């Protein structure tokens, strides 16, 4: 019953997903307008896929951060983690309980990016780190791209049991894409607060979703009337 409800929620969110993707693209446009300051970020964003597909796929570092994200989120939820295993292409975490957030967290939380941002912010409390901003932008772009590429690779290449455990593939994929769009928006807002307007984007998603569903309902009602 719970899996069916999650499937239903995912179907209801499909219009929101489409509108959110469009808004995510729109958020990028103002950032591109500041190319002179944004180029390190985009350089890092492009550099990782090139490195991944031509030199090294970084599978072990990804498996490590993937399993550690499971573990940290389980700890944050008050669950007990008994074992963490990390190998080159696979890993697992044993815990006494789990939930949807813990299961799907590694697919939308960019662990290395958060670590980079945390170090930069904490360092800024002790000294002036302004001169290092271009390098940090490059790393943020690199690790954001790392997260997206590895997440796509993991979901595309392997039959992940996490998706079924979280409530089914449809629900999990919709949740993962929406969560990643939110993460991307928050990252861009943190980097370029003046250019990225999250409130406007959120309102546009709500309005767009209602518009799509109104069109769908009108079509269904018209079809029923014609049939009758």
C-alpha atoms as a PDB file:
ATOM      1  CA  UNK A   1       0.000   0.000   0.000  1.00  0.00           C
ATOM      2  CA  UNK A   2       2.799   2.417   0.921  1.00  0.00           C
ATOM      3  CA  UNK A   3       4.652   1.644  -2.316  1.00  0.00           C
ATOM      4  CA  UNK A   4       1.485   2.339  -4.313  1.00  0.00           C
ATOM      5  CA  UNK A   5       0.987   5.666  -2.528  1.00  0.00           C
ATOM      6  CA  UNK A   6       4.586   6.621  -3.312  1.00  0.00           C
ATOM      7  CA  UNK A   7       4.024   5.669  -6.949  1.00  0.00           C
ATOM      8  CA  UNK A   8       0.917   7.876  -6.986  1.00  0.00           C
ATOM      9  CA  UNK A   9       2.880  10.760  -5.458  1.00  0.00           C
ATOM     10  CA  UNK A  10       5.557  10.337  -8.135  1.00  0.00           C
ATOM     11  CA  UNK A  11       2.947  10.479 -10.914  1.00  0.00           C
ATOM     12  CA  UNK A  12       1.421  13.609  -9.394  1.00  0.00           C
ATOM     13  CA  UNK A  13       4.882  15.192  -9.258  1.00  0.00           C
ATOM     14  CA  UNK A  14       5.749  14.502 -12.905  1.00  0.00           C
ATOM     15  CA  UNK A  15       4.464  17.907 -14.090  1.00  0.00           C
ATOM     16  CA  UNK A  16       6.447  19.568 -11.282  1.00  0.00           C
ATOM     17  CA  UNK A  17       9.517  17.674 -12.458  1.00  0.00           C
ATOM     18  CA  UNK A  18       9.193  18.965 -16.003  1.00  0.00           C
ATOM     19  CA  UNK A  19       8.648  22.564 -14.884  1.00  0.00           C
ATOM     20  CA  UNK A  20      11.513  22.301 -12.364  1.00  0.00           C
ATOM     21  CA  UNK A  21      13.914  21.146 -15.098  1.00  0.00           C
ATOM     22  CA  UNK A  22      12.958  24.192 -17.179  1.00  0.00           C
ATOM     23  CA  UNK A  23      13.482  26.476 -14.173  1.00  0.00           C
ATOM     24  CA  UNK A  24      16.842  24.863 -13.493  1.00  0.00           C
ATOM     25  CA  UNK A  25      17.956  25.766 -17.008  1.00  0.00           C
ATOM     26  CA  UNK A  26      16.700  29.325 -16.543  1.00  0.00           C
ATOM     27  CA  UNK A  27      18.701  29.697 -13.339  1.00  0.00           C
ATOM     28  CA  UNK A  28      21.893  29.009 -15.282  1.00  0.00           C
ATOM     29  CA  UNK A  29      21.364  31.905 -17.705  1.00  0.00           C
ATOM     30  CA  UNK A  30      22.182  34.815 -15.326  1.00  0.00           C
ATOM     31  CA  UNK A  31      25.257  32.943 -14.077  1.00  0.00           C
ATOM     32  CA  UNK A  32      26.535  32.574 -17.643  1.00  0.00           C
ATOM     33  CA  UNK A  33      26.202  36.335 -17.978  1.00  0.00           C
ATOM     34  CA  UNK A  34      29.010  36.691 -15.413  1.00  0.00           C
ATOM     35  CA  UNK A  35      31.469  34.555 -17.353  1.00  0.00           C
ATOM     36  CA  UNK A  36      34.555  36.457 -16.159  1.00  0.00           C
ATOM     37  CA  UNK A  37      33.954  35.363 -12.563  1.00  0.00           C
ATOM     38  CA  UNK A  38      32.056  32.126 -13.272  1.00  0.00           C
ATOM     39  CA  UNK A  39      34.516  30.468 -15.664  1.00  0.00           C
ATOM     40  CA  UNK A  40      36.409  28.495 -12.954  1.00  0.00           C
ATOM     41  CA  UNK A  41      33.102  26.922 -11.891  1.00  0.00           C
ATOM     42  CA  UNK A  42      32.190  25.908 -15.441  1.00  0.00           C
ATOM     43  CA  UNK A  43      35.753  24.770 -16.114  1.00  0.00           C
ATOM     44  CA  UNK A  44      35.509  22.371 -13.171  1.00  0.00           C
ATOM     45  CA  UNK A  45      32.061  21.312 -14.336  1.00  0.00           C
ATOM     46  CA  UNK A  46      33.407  20.329 -17.766  1.00  0.00           C
ATOM     47  CA  UNK A  47      36.779  18.986 -16.642  1.00  0.00           C
ATOM     48  CA  UNK A  48      35.476  16.119 -14.515  1.00  0.00           C
ATOM     49  CA  UNK A  49      33.536  14.272 -17.293  1.00  0.00           C
ATOM     50  CA  UNK A  50      36.589  14.512 -19.549  1.00  0.00           C
ATOM     51  CA  UNK A  51      38.758  13.055 -16.793  1.00  0.00           C
ATOM     52  CA  UNK A  52      36.172  10.406 -15.934  1.00  0.00           C
ATOM     53  CA  UNK A  53      35.765   9.024 -19.445  1.00  0.00           C
ATOM     54  CA  UNK A  54      39.372   9.338 -20.634  1.00  0.00           C
ATOM     55  CA  UNK A  55      41.664   8.786 -17.626  1.00  0.00           C
ATOM     56  CA  UNK A  56      40.043   7.360 -14.483  1.00  0.00           C
ATOM     57  CA  UNK A  57      36.417   6.782 -13.430  1.00  0.00           C
ATOM     58  CA  UNK A  58      36.956   7.491  -9.684  1.00  0.00           C
ATOM     59  CA  UNK A  59      34.768   4.510  -8.769  1.00  0.00           C
ATOM     60  CA  UNK A  60      36.359   3.834  -5.371  1.00  0.00           C
ATOM     61  CA  UNK A  61      36.193   7.481  -4.177  1.00  0.00           C
ATOM     62  CA  UNK A  62      32.545   7.509  -5.229  1.00  0.00           C
ATOM     63  CA  UNK A  63      31.702   4.231  -3.484  1.00  0.00           C
ATOM     64  CA  UNK A  64      33.378   5.615  -0.346  1.00  0.00           C
ATOM     65  CA  UNK A  65      31.373   8.857  -0.261  1.00  0.00           C
ATOM     66  CA  UNK A  66      28.195   6.992  -1.282  1.00  0.00           C
ATOM     67  CA  UNK A  67      28.373   4.559   1.632  1.00  0.00           C
ATOM     68  CA  UNK A  68      29.540   7.224   4.088  1.00  0.00           C
ATOM     69  CA  UNK A  69      26.529   9.345   3.132  1.00  0.00           C
ATOM     70  CA  UNK A  70      24.252   6.395   3.912  1.00  0.00           C
ATOM     71  CA  UNK A  71      25.998   6.008   7.268  1.00  0.00           C
ATOM     72  CA  UNK A  72      26.030   9.696   8.248  1.00  0.00           C
ATOM     73  CA  UNK A  73      22.360  10.128   7.362  1.00  0.00           C
ATOM     74  CA  UNK A  74      21.507   6.999   9.341  1.00  0.00           C
ATOM     75  CA  UNK A  75      23.363   8.430  12.354  1.00  0.00           C
ATOM     76  CA  UNK A  76      21.535  11.751  11.940  1.00  0.00           C
ATOM     77  CA  UNK A  77      18.240   9.850  12.037  1.00  0.00           C
ATOM     78  CA  UNK A  78      19.293   8.119  15.261  1.00  0.00           C
ATOM     79  CA  UNK A  79      19.892   4.704  13.711  1.00  0.00           C
ATOM     80  CA  UNK A  80      22.761   2.406  14.654  1.00  0.00           C
ATOM     81  CA  UNK A  81      25.361   1.622  11.980  1.00  0.00           C
ATOM     82  CA  UNK A  82      27.123  -1.686  12.575  1.00  0.00           C
ATOM     83  CA  UNK A  83      29.320  -2.075   9.495  1.00  0.00           C
ATOM     84  CA  UNK A  84      30.558  -0.084   6.489  1.00  0.00           C
ATOM     85  CA  UNK A  85      32.136  -1.885   3.535  1.00  0.00           C
ATOM     86  CA  UNK A  86      33.829  -0.066   0.642  1.00  0.00           C
ATOM     87  CA  UNK A  87      35.278  -1.849  -2.392  1.00  0.00           C
ATOM     88  CA  UNK A  88      36.292  -0.614  -5.828  1.00  0.00           C
ATOM     89  CA  UNK A  89      32.911  -0.969  -7.497  1.00  0.00           C
ATOM     90  CA  UNK A  90      30.540  -1.794  -4.668  1.00  0.00           C
ATOM     91  CA  UNK A  91      29.864  -1.286  -1.006  1.00  0.00           C
ATOM     92  CA  UNK A  92      27.206  -1.535   1.675  1.00  0.00           C
ATOM     93  CA  UNK A  93      26.203  -0.235   5.085  1.00  0.00           C
ATOM     94  CA  UNK A  94      24.572  -2.369   7.747  1.00  0.00           C
ATOM     95  CA  UNK A  95      22.192  -0.509  10.075  1.00  0.00           C
ATOM     96  CA  UNK A  96      19.402  -1.456  12.446  1.00  0.00           C
ATOM     97  CA  UNK A  97      16.789   0.725  10.670  1.00  0.00           C
ATOM     98  CA  UNK A  98      16.434   2.806   7.551  1.00  0.00           C
ATOM     99  CA  UNK A  99      14.035   5.168   5.779  1.00  0.00           C
ATOM    100  CA  UNK A 100      13.564   6.793   2.378  1.00  0.00           C
ATOM    101  CA  UNK A 101      15.888   9.694   3.187  1.00  0.00           C
ATOM    102  CA  UNK A 102      18.737   7.425   4.300  1.00  0.00           C
ATOM    103  CA  UNK A 103      18.337   5.133   1.285  1.00  0.00           C
ATOM    104  CA  UNK A 104      18.262   7.896  -1.349  1.00  0.00           C
ATOM    105  CA  UNK A 105      20.584  10.435   0.299  1.00  0.00           C
ATOM    106  CA  UNK A 106      23.779   9.519  -1.641  1.00  0.00           C
ATOM    107  CA  UNK A 107      21.963  10.108  -4.931  1.00  0.00           C
ATOM    108  CA  UNK A 108      21.310  13.783  -4.206  1.00  0.00           C
ATOM    109  CA  UNK A 109      23.811  14.852  -1.529  1.00  0.00           C
ATOM    110  CA  UNK A 110      27.202  15.772  -3.083  1.00  0.00           C
ATOM    111  CA  UNK A 111      29.468  14.795  -0.197  1.00  0.00           C
ATOM    112  CA  UNK A 112      32.806  16.067  -1.535  1.00  0.00           C
ATOM    113  CA  UNK A 113      31.222  19.365  -2.545  1.00  0.00           C
ATOM    114  CA  UNK A 114      29.842  19.862   0.965  1.00  0.00           C
ATOM    115  CA  UNK A 115      33.257  19.059   2.418  1.00  0.00           C
ATOM    116  CA  UNK A 116      34.926  21.609   0.117  1.00  0.00           C
ATOM    117  CA  UNK A 117      32.355  24.292   0.959  1.00  0.00           C
ATOM    118  CA  UNK A 118      32.664  23.522   4.668  1.00  0.00           C
ATOM    119  CA  UNK A 119      36.449  23.873   4.655  1.00  0.00           C
ATOM    120  CA  UNK A 120      36.218  27.145   2.725  1.00  0.00           C
ATOM    121  CA  UNK A 121      33.577  28.619   5.053  1.00  0.00           C
ATOM    122  CA  UNK A 122      35.360  27.563   8.250  1.00  0.00           C
ATOM    123  CA  UNK A 123      38.684  28.865   6.919  1.00  0.00           C
ATOM    124  CA  UNK A 124      36.968  32.181   6.197  1.00  0.00           C
ATOM    125  CA  UNK A 125      36.210  32.559   9.881  1.00  0.00           C
ATOM    126  CA  UNK A 126      39.906  32.519  10.704  1.00  0.00           C
ATOM    127  CA  UNK A 127      41.450  34.405   7.775  1.00  0.00           C
ATOM    128  CA  UNK A 128      40.719  36.175   4.498  1.00  0.00           C
ATOM    129  CA  UNK A 129      40.176  33.499   1.832  1.00  0.00           C
ATOM    130  CA  UNK A 130      38.927  35.782  -0.941  1.00  0.00           C
ATOM    131  CA  UNK A 131      42.014  35.101  -3.056  1.00  0.00           C
ATOM    132  CA  UNK A 132      41.167  31.391  -3.077  1.00  0.00           C
ATOM    133  CA  UNK A 133      37.599  31.868  -4.393  1.00  0.00           C
ATOM    134  CA  UNK A 134      38.453  31.015  -8.066  1.00  0.00           C
ATOM    135  CA  UNK A 135      40.070  27.743  -6.956  1.00  0.00           C
ATOM    136  CA  UNK A 136      37.088  26.927  -4.734  1.00  0.00           C
ATOM    137  CA  UNK A 137      34.711  27.665  -7.616  1.00  0.00           C
ATOM    138  CA  UNK A 138      36.693  25.228  -9.752  1.00  0.00           C
ATOM    139  CA  UNK A 139      36.490  22.546  -7.075  1.00  0.00           C
ATOM    140  CA  UNK A 140      32.775  23.127  -6.551  1.00  0.00           C
ATOM    141  CA  UNK A 141      32.179  22.704 -10.286  1.00  0.00           C
ATOM    142  CA  UNK A 142      34.408  19.632 -10.365  1.00  0.00           C
ATOM    143  CA  UNK A 143      32.715  17.897  -7.425  1.00  0.00           C
ATOM    144  CA  UNK A 144      29.225  18.879  -8.577  1.00  0.00           C
ATOM    145  CA  UNK A 145      29.970  17.299 -11.945  1.00  0.00           C
ATOM    146  CA  UNK A 146      31.515  14.293 -10.138  1.00  0.00           C
ATOM    147  CA  UNK A 147      28.271  13.854  -8.225  1.00  0.00           C
ATOM    148  CA  UNK A 148      26.019  14.116 -11.285  1.00  0.00           C
ATOM    149  CA  UNK A 149      28.123  11.855 -13.508  1.00  0.00           C
ATOM    150  CA  UNK A 150      28.591   9.179 -10.848  1.00  0.00           C
ATOM    151  CA  UNK A 151      24.929   9.270  -9.846  1.00  0.00           C
ATOM    152  CA  UNK A 152      23.824   8.903 -13.472  1.00  0.00           C
ATOM    153  CA  UNK A 153      26.363   6.118 -14.031  1.00  0.00           C
ATOM    154  CA  UNK A 154      25.222   4.271 -10.898  1.00  0.00           C
ATOM    155  CA  UNK A 155      21.532   4.503 -11.758  1.00  0.00           C
ATOM    156  CA  UNK A 156      22.018   3.699 -15.452  1.00  0.00           C
ATOM    157  CA  UNK A 157      24.551   0.860 -15.265  1.00  0.00           C
ATOM    158  CA  UNK A 158      23.391  -1.073 -12.225  1.00  0.00           C
ATOM    159  CA  UNK A 159      20.094  -2.418 -10.924  1.00  0.00           C
ATOM    160  CA  UNK A 160      20.160  -0.536  -7.647  1.00  0.00           C
ATOM    161  CA  UNK A 161      18.238  -2.247  -4.807  1.00  0.00           C
ATOM    162  CA  UNK A 162      18.092   1.166  -3.100  1.00  0.00           C
ATOM    163  CA  UNK A 163      15.414   2.300  -5.544  1.00  0.00           C
ATOM    164  CA  UNK A 164      13.041  -0.538  -4.710  1.00  0.00           C
ATOM    165  CA  UNK A 165      13.809  -0.205  -1.005  1.00  0.00           C
ATOM    166  CA  UNK A 166      12.924   3.489  -1.044  1.00  0.00           C
ATOM    167  CA  UNK A 167       9.502   2.895  -2.574  1.00  0.00           C
ATOM    168  CA  UNK A 168       9.947   1.760  -6.165  1.00  0.00           C
ATOM    169  CA  UNK A 169      11.914   2.926  -9.187  1.00  0.00           C
ATOM    170  CA  UNK A 170       9.405   5.502 -10.401  1.00  0.00           C
ATOM    171  CA  UNK A 171       9.102   7.214  -7.033  1.00  0.00           C
ATOM    172  CA  UNK A 172      12.843   7.039  -6.368  1.00  0.00           C
ATOM    173  CA  UNK A 173      13.867   8.457  -9.751  1.00  0.00           C
ATOM    174  CA  UNK A 174      11.394  11.334  -9.520  1.00  0.00           C
ATOM    175  CA  UNK A 175      12.560  12.100  -5.973  1.00  0.00           C
ATOM    176  CA  UNK A 176      16.238  11.920  -6.960  1.00  0.00           C
ATOM    177  CA  UNK A 177      15.860  14.252  -9.954  1.00  0.00           C
ATOM    178  CA  UNK A 178      13.823  16.802  -7.979  1.00  0.00           C
ATOM    179  CA  UNK A 179      16.246  16.683  -5.060  1.00  0.00           C
ATOM    180  CA  UNK A 180      19.246  17.160  -7.373  1.00  0.00           C
ATOM    181  CA  UNK A 181      17.569  20.164  -9.006  1.00  0.00           C
ATOM    182  CA  UNK A 182      17.065  21.659  -5.547  1.00  0.00           C
ATOM    183  CA  UNK A 183      20.705  20.977  -4.629  1.00  0.00           C
ATOM    184  CA  UNK A 184      21.906  22.536  -7.896  1.00  0.00           C
ATOM    185  CA  UNK A 185      19.766  25.619  -7.278  1.00  0.00           C
ATOM    186  CA  UNK A 186      21.072  25.990  -3.721  1.00  0.00           C
ATOM    187  CA  UNK A 187      24.685  25.650  -4.902  1.00  0.00           C
ATOM    188  CA  UNK A 188      24.196  28.337  -7.547  1.00  0.00           C
ATOM    189  CA  UNK A 189      22.406  30.551  -5.013  1.00  0.00           C
ATOM    190  CA  UNK A 190      25.334  30.181  -2.629  1.00  0.00           C
ATOM    191  CA  UNK A 191      27.851  31.044  -5.339  1.00  0.00           C
ATOM    192  CA  UNK A 192      25.883  33.843  -7.016  1.00  0.00           C
ATOM    193  CA  UNK A 193      23.240  35.144  -4.571  1.00  0.00           C
ATOM    194  CA  UNK A 194      22.486  38.281  -6.586  1.00  0.00           C
ATOM    195  CA  UNK A 195      21.868  36.467  -9.877  1.00  0.00           C
ATOM    196  CA  UNK A 196      19.864  33.455  -8.677  1.00  0.00           C
ATOM    197  CA  UNK A 197      16.307  34.063  -7.442  1.00  0.00           C
ATOM    198  CA  UNK A 198      15.039  30.905  -5.778  1.00  0.00           C
ATOM    199  CA  UNK A 199      11.729  32.358  -4.591  1.00  0.00           C
ATOM    200  CA  UNK A 200      10.739  33.313  -8.132  1.00  0.00           C
ATOM    201  CA  UNK A 201      11.821  29.897  -9.428  1.00  0.00           C
ATOM    202  CA  UNK A 202       9.796  28.124  -6.720  1.00  0.00           C
ATOM    203  CA  UNK A 203       6.672  30.170  -7.494  1.00  0.00           C
ATOM    204  CA  UNK A 204       7.113  29.443 -11.206  1.00  0.00           C
ATOM    205  CA  UNK A 205       7.264  25.708 -10.473  1.00  0.00           C
ATOM    206  CA  UNK A 206       4.033  25.929  -8.449  1.00  0.00           C
ATOM    207  CA  UNK A 207       2.259  27.984 -11.127  1.00  0.00           C
ATOM    208  CA  UNK A 208       3.536  25.768 -13.937  1.00  0.00           C
ATOM    209  CA  UNK A 209       2.461  22.598 -12.131  1.00  0.00           C
ATOM    210  CA  UNK A 210      -1.058  23.935 -11.540  1.00  0.00           C
ATOM    211  CA  UNK A 211      -1.303  25.005 -15.173  1.00  0.00           C
ATOM    212  CA  UNK A 212      -0.261  21.577 -16.451  1.00  0.00           C
ATOM    213  CA  UNK A 213      -2.676  19.764 -14.160  1.00  0.00           C
ATOM    214  CA  UNK A 214      -5.510  22.121 -15.135  1.00  0.00           C
ATOM    215  CA  UNK A 215      -4.881  21.282 -18.794  1.00  0.00           C
ATOM    216  CA  UNK A 216      -4.789  17.543 -18.018  1.00  0.00           C
ATOM    217  CA  UNK A 217      -8.004  17.657 -15.968  1.00  0.00           C
ATOM    218  CA  UNK A 218      -9.797  19.732 -18.632  1.00  0.00           C
ATOM    219  CA  UNK A 219      -8.731  17.207 -21.281  1.00  0.00           C
ATOM    220  CA  UNK A 220      -9.953  14.247 -19.184  1.00  0.00           C
ATOM    221  CA  UNK A 221     -13.295  15.950 -18.451  1.00  0.00           C
ATOM    222  CA  UNK A 222     -13.762  16.798 -22.128  1.00  0.00           C
ATOM    223  CA  UNK A 223     -12.939  13.200 -23.115  1.00  0.00           C
ATOM    224  CA  UNK A 224     -15.447  11.803 -20.589  1.00  0.00           C
ATOM    225  CA  UNK A 225     -18.175  14.162 -21.862  1.00  0.00           C
ATOM    226  CA  UNK A 226     -17.545  13.125 -25.439  1.00  0.00           C
ATOM    227  CA  UNK A 227     -17.638   9.429 -24.525  1.00  0.00           C
ATOM    228  CA  UNK A 228     -20.889   9.800 -22.623  1.00  0.00           C
END
